[in-house]
Amino acid sequence: MKHSVTLKLYASLMEHLPAHAQGHAVTLEVEEGTTPVQLLEGMGVPMAQVHLVLVNGYFVPPSQRHRPLTAGDVLAVWPAVAGG
């Protein structure tokens, strides 16, 4: 069974969004049980560039990124950003 989730990619990761994305976000139909890691890998996002991951506004540490997403979840991802 499939359900909808919203994927938001920021900064250099935005290049991995499909053409129909609106700004930095896209709503996707995913299989039940899909994890943030599986979704990102399926979109071609290099996991080595993934730094900050939030689901519904809450930080998800790397050890918990294999927990399944549920219907209506918003997955937001940022790369490491250097400043100066």
Protein backbone atom coordinates (compact mmCIF):
# COMPACT_ATOMS: atom_id res chain seq x y z
CA MET A 1 0.00 0.00 0.00
CA LYS A 2 1.21 3.51 -0.77
CA HIS A 3 0.84 6.81 1.05
CA SER A 4 1.88 10.43 0.49
CA VAL A 5 4.86 12.13 2.08
CA THR A 6 6.43 15.49 1.36
CA LEU A 7 10.15 15.67 0.62
CA LYS A 8 11.95 18.99 1.08
CA LEU A 9 15.55 19.30 -0.05
CA TYR A 10 17.64 22.39 0.57
CA ALA A 11 20.79 24.03 -0.82
CA SER A 12 22.86 21.78 -3.10
CA LEU A 13 20.52 18.82 -2.52
CA MET A 14 17.71 20.55 -4.43
CA GLU A 15 19.18 19.29 -7.71
CA HIS A 16 17.84 15.82 -6.80
CA LEU A 17 14.20 16.95 -6.81
CA PRO A 18 12.07 15.93 -9.81
CA ALA A 19 11.15 18.54 -12.41
CA HIS A 20 7.58 18.87 -11.08
CA ALA A 21 8.79 19.95 -7.62
CA GLN A 22 7.47 23.29 -6.40
CA GLY A 23 10.39 25.28 -5.03
CA HIS A 24 12.28 22.97 -2.71
CA ALA A 25 9.43 20.51 -2.04
CA VAL A 26 7.60 17.65 -3.71
CA THR A 27 4.79 15.35 -2.58
CA LEU A 28 5.53 11.71 -3.35
CA GLU A 29 3.66 8.43 -3.16
CA VAL A 30 5.84 5.91 -1.34
CA GLU A 31 5.39 2.30 -0.32
CA GLU A 32 4.33 1.71 3.26
CA GLY A 33 7.45 1.06 5.33
CA THR A 34 9.70 3.36 3.30
CA THR A 35 12.39 4.92 5.49
CA PRO A 36 14.05 8.33 5.09
CA VAL A 37 17.25 6.59 3.92
CA GLN A 38 15.39 4.54 1.30
CA LEU A 39 13.51 7.57 0.02
CA LEU A 40 16.66 9.68 -0.26
CA GLU A 41 18.65 6.92 -1.94
CA GLY A 42 15.77 6.36 -4.36
CA MET A 43 15.90 10.05 -5.30
CA GLY A 44 19.65 9.79 -5.98
CA VAL A 45 20.65 11.88 -2.97
CA PRO A 46 24.21 10.98 -1.93
CA MET A 47 23.94 9.99 1.73
CA ALA A 48 27.45 11.32 2.34
CA GLN A 49 26.05 14.82 1.67
CA VAL A 50 23.06 14.43 4.00
CA HIS A 51 23.65 16.30 7.25
CA LEU A 52 20.48 17.54 8.95
CA VAL A 53 17.30 15.44 8.71
CA LEU A 54 13.95 16.45 10.16
CA VAL A 55 10.63 14.60 10.07
CA ASN A 56 7.67 16.85 10.84
CA GLY A 57 10.06 19.44 12.25
CA TYR A 58 11.86 17.07 14.63
CA PHE A 59 15.55 16.21 14.29
CA VAL A 60 16.21 12.60 13.30
CA PRO A 61 19.70 11.38 14.27
CA PRO A 62 21.48 9.00 11.85
CA SER A 63 20.70 6.01 14.08
CA GLN A 64 16.94 6.58 13.62
CA ARG A 65 16.83 7.29 9.88
CA HIS A 66 15.77 3.69 9.18
CA ARG A 67 12.39 4.13 10.90
CA PRO A 68 9.50 4.08 8.42
CA LEU A 69 7.78 7.27 7.32
CA THR A 70 4.01 7.44 7.79
CA ALA A 71 1.27 9.07 5.70
CA GLY A 72 1.50 12.85 5.73
CA ASP A 73 5.07 13.02 7.05
CA VAL A 74 7.28 15.89 5.91
CA LEU A 75 10.92 14.89 5.44
CA ALA A 76 13.27 17.88 5.26
CA VAL A 77 16.98 17.45 4.50
CA TRP A 78 19.96 19.81 4.44
CA PRO A 79 23.57 19.21 3.45
CA ALA A 80 26.42 20.33 5.66
CA VAL A 81 26.76 24.06 5.13
CA ALA A 82 30.02 25.87 5.67
CA GLY A 83 29.99 29.50 6.67
CA GLY A 84 32.49 32.09 7.47
